[in-house]
Each structure stands twice: as structure tokens, then as C-alpha cells.
Amino acid sequence: MTQDSALLARLQDEIKQAMRAGDKRRLGVLRLVSAAVKQREVDERVTLNDDDVIALLSKQVKQRQESIAQYDAAGRDDLSEQERYEITVLKEFLPQPLDDAEIDRLIDNAIAETGAESMRDMGKIMGLLRPAMQGRADMSAVSGRIKTRLQ
């Protein structure tokens, strides 16, 4: 079993605060996250650590961003606005995002460390970067930057 998650403890505290404040909208989002965490723990028979929770939150943010694009295309501004709100709540639990200079520096370091020279080395680079960037950068955008450098 892995260590307990400080992030999960914070999530539970935020749920209690939202309940006390009567903030039903925020409470709903926090309960969805809590349910997703519990579902994964039950499915995989593990206790999630902070890195696991960050990965789960990042995935949920990405899902909501995809939903926003679909809702906007369909003219459903009400649903789109709700997804945007949920993203703001989820991002409270994610680490500070990396800026472009930091991302470029990490990519350069990973390329140098792995000795990558071509697209065949893409997996090695991503494997090295994912733990450092999880929840702090859009990994598909990072992948695009790496491809540009390796071509």
C-alpha cells in the first residue's frame, strides 16, 4: 500500500467547509471528485497517493475541457459555464502550472539525459517528463513541443 494523501485530506476538509457554508454547487463538484477517487481505489484495490490524485484530477480537467468544446459547438452555454466552474474548483487542488520557459527547460534536460536523437526516443522522454509535469502542463502540448525538437 502507498502512503496517505494530503490532497485527499484537503479534499475532505473542503467538502465539510462547503457543507457548512451551504455552497451546493461547490459541494457537488467536490463530491464528484471524491466519488471518482473512491471508485478508483475500489476498482484497483489501492490507496491513492498525491501523485495518483493529481493524475485523476488532471484527467477530469481534460474531460471537462473537451466537454466545453462540444457544448460551445452545440450552443449550450449553460452547460459550458458549469464545466468551466468545475474546472476552476478542480484546479484549486492541482499544483501551479509550469510556464513555457520551465517546460522548455525540462524538455531540453530530458532530451540531453536520454540522449534522444529521433522520434523513436519519444517514449523515453515522455516517461521521464510525465512524473515532473503531471498536473502542471498539458501533456499533449508537451508532446507536440518534443516532436518539433526531434524533427
Protein backbone atom coordinates (compact mmCIF):
# COMPACT_ATOMS: atom_id res chain seq x y z
CA MET A 1 0.00 0.00 0.00
CA THR A 2 1.11 3.55 -0.70
CA GLN A 3 1.23 6.47 1.67
CA ASP A 4 -1.84 8.50 2.59
CA SER A 5 -2.64 11.53 0.51
CA ALA A 6 -2.56 15.01 1.98
CA LEU A 7 -4.56 16.06 -1.07
CA LEU A 8 -7.37 13.66 -0.14
CA ALA A 9 -7.42 15.02 3.39
CA ARG A 10 -7.66 18.54 1.98
CA LEU A 11 -10.48 17.43 -0.32
CA GLN A 12 -12.45 16.04 2.64
CA ASP A 13 -11.90 19.30 4.57
CA GLU A 14 -13.15 21.32 1.58
CA ILE A 15 -16.25 19.11 1.37
CA LYS A 16 -17.00 19.81 5.04
CA GLN A 17 -16.50 23.56 4.56
CA ALA A 18 -18.79 23.61 1.52
CA MET A 19 -21.45 21.74 3.51
CA ARG A 20 -21.20 24.21 6.41
CA ALA A 21 -21.35 27.17 4.01
CA GLY A 22 -24.32 25.71 2.16
CA ASP A 23 -22.44 26.02 -1.15
CA LYS A 24 -24.29 23.30 -3.04
CA ARG A 25 -22.63 23.99 -6.38
CA ARG A 26 -19.10 23.64 -4.99
CA LEU A 27 -20.12 20.70 -2.83
CA GLY A 28 -21.40 18.85 -5.89
CA VAL A 29 -18.07 19.20 -7.69
CA LEU A 30 -16.08 18.13 -4.64
CA ARG A 31 -18.30 15.11 -4.11
CA LEU A 32 -17.84 14.08 -7.75
CA VAL A 33 -14.08 14.16 -7.27
CA SER A 34 -14.32 12.24 -4.01
CA ALA A 35 -16.50 9.61 -5.68
CA ALA A 36 -14.05 9.27 -8.57
CA VAL A 37 -11.19 8.74 -6.11
CA LYS A 38 -13.12 6.14 -4.13
CA GLN A 39 -14.20 4.37 -7.33
CA ARG A 40 -10.61 4.07 -8.49
CA GLU A 41 -9.46 2.87 -5.06
CA VAL A 42 -12.14 0.17 -5.05
CA ASP A 43 -11.58 -0.85 -8.69
CA GLU A 44 -7.81 -1.14 -8.31
CA ARG A 45 -7.76 -2.16 -4.63
CA VAL A 46 -5.21 0.55 -3.79
CA THR A 47 -4.98 3.66 -1.66
CA LEU A 48 -4.21 6.65 -3.86
CA ASN A 49 -1.27 8.90 -3.03
CA ASP A 50 -0.94 12.58 -4.01
CA ASP A 51 0.55 11.76 -7.44
CA ASP A 52 -2.37 9.43 -8.21
CA VAL A 53 -4.89 12.07 -7.14
CA ILE A 54 -3.16 14.73 -9.27
CA ALA A 55 -3.30 12.40 -12.27
CA LEU A 56 -7.00 11.77 -11.65
CA LEU A 57 -7.73 15.50 -11.28
CA SER A 58 -5.76 16.29 -14.45
CA LYS A 59 -7.82 13.73 -16.34
CA GLN A 60 -11.05 15.22 -15.02
CA VAL A 61 -9.97 18.74 -16.07
CA LYS A 62 -9.14 17.46 -19.55
CA GLN A 63 -12.54 15.71 -19.82
CA ARG A 64 -14.29 18.93 -18.87
CA GLN A 65 -12.28 20.94 -21.40
CA GLU A 66 -13.39 18.50 -24.11
CA SER A 67 -16.99 18.83 -22.92
CA ILE A 68 -16.76 22.63 -23.07
CA ALA A 69 -15.74 22.47 -26.73
CA GLN A 70 -18.71 20.20 -27.50
CA TYR A 71 -21.18 22.32 -25.51
CA ASP A 72 -19.93 25.54 -27.14
CA ALA A 73 -20.32 23.98 -30.60
CA ALA A 74 -23.87 22.95 -29.71
CA GLY A 75 -24.73 26.39 -28.31
CA ARG A 76 -25.26 25.07 -24.77
CA ASP A 77 -23.73 27.97 -22.87
CA ASP A 78 -25.39 26.89 -19.60
CA LEU A 79 -23.63 23.50 -19.63
CA SER A 80 -20.39 25.03 -20.85
CA GLU A 81 -20.40 27.53 -17.98
CA GLN A 82 -20.94 24.73 -15.44
CA GLU A 83 -17.96 22.80 -16.83
CA ARG A 84 -15.81 25.97 -16.60
CA TYR A 85 -16.84 26.38 -12.97
CA GLU A 86 -15.95 22.76 -12.22
CA ILE A 87 -12.51 23.26 -13.80
CA THR A 88 -11.82 26.25 -11.51
CA VAL A 89 -12.69 24.11 -8.47
CA LEU A 90 -10.55 21.18 -9.68
CA LYS A 91 -7.56 23.43 -10.40
CA GLU A 92 -7.50 24.52 -6.75
CA PHE A 93 -6.16 21.04 -5.95
CA LEU A 94 -3.58 20.90 -8.74
CA PRO A 95 -0.02 22.19 -8.43
CA GLN A 96 0.93 25.52 -10.02
CA PRO A 97 1.15 25.17 -13.81
CA LEU A 98 4.56 25.35 -15.43
CA ASP A 99 5.32 28.34 -17.65
CA ASP A 100 6.69 27.95 -21.18
CA ALA A 101 10.29 28.56 -20.15
CA GLU A 102 10.13 25.88 -17.45
CA ILE A 103 8.55 23.39 -19.86
CA ASP A 104 11.25 24.07 -22.47
CA ARG A 105 13.99 23.67 -19.84
CA LEU A 106 12.56 20.34 -18.65
CA ILE A 107 12.26 19.10 -22.24
CA ASP A 108 15.86 20.11 -23.00
CA ASN A 109 17.09 18.35 -19.87
CA ALA A 110 15.13 15.19 -20.70
CA ILE A 111 16.45 15.11 -24.27
CA ALA A 112 20.01 15.54 -23.00
CA GLU A 113 19.55 12.95 -20.23
CA THR A 114 18.11 10.30 -22.54
CA GLY A 115 20.42 11.12 -25.45
CA ALA A 116 17.34 11.32 -27.67
CA GLU A 117 18.02 11.95 -31.34
CA SER A 118 14.84 10.95 -33.19
CA MET A 119 11.13 10.27 -32.83
CA ARG A 120 11.94 6.70 -31.76
CA ASP A 121 13.15 8.16 -28.46
CA MET A 122 9.84 9.93 -27.78
CA GLY A 123 8.69 7.30 -25.24
CA LYS A 124 11.85 7.66 -23.17
CA ILE A 125 11.48 11.42 -23.00
CA MET A 126 7.78 11.31 -22.11
CA GLY A 127 8.45 8.65 -19.47
CA LEU A 128 10.99 10.95 -17.87
CA LEU A 129 8.85 14.10 -18.10
CA ARG A 130 5.44 12.74 -17.08
CA PRO A 131 6.15 12.48 -13.32
CA ALA A 132 7.62 16.00 -13.22
CA MET A 133 4.87 17.60 -15.29
CA GLN A 134 1.74 15.64 -14.33
CA GLY A 135 -0.99 18.11 -13.49
CA ARG A 136 1.29 21.05 -14.20
CA ALA A 137 1.29 21.06 -18.01
CA ASP A 138 -0.86 19.87 -20.90
CA MET A 139 0.98 16.67 -21.82
CA SER A 140 -0.34 16.67 -25.40
CA ALA A 141 1.10 20.16 -25.92
CA VAL A 142 4.38 18.99 -24.36
CA SER A 143 4.38 16.04 -26.74
CA GLY A 144 3.99 18.43 -29.66
CA ARG A 145 6.94 20.50 -28.48
CA ILE A 146 9.11 17.40 -28.16
CA LYS A 147 8.17 16.28 -31.69
CA THR A 148 9.16 19.68 -33.05
CA ARG A 149 12.56 19.44 -31.36
CA LEU A 150 13.25 15.88 -32.55
CA GLN A 151 12.45 16.52 -36.20
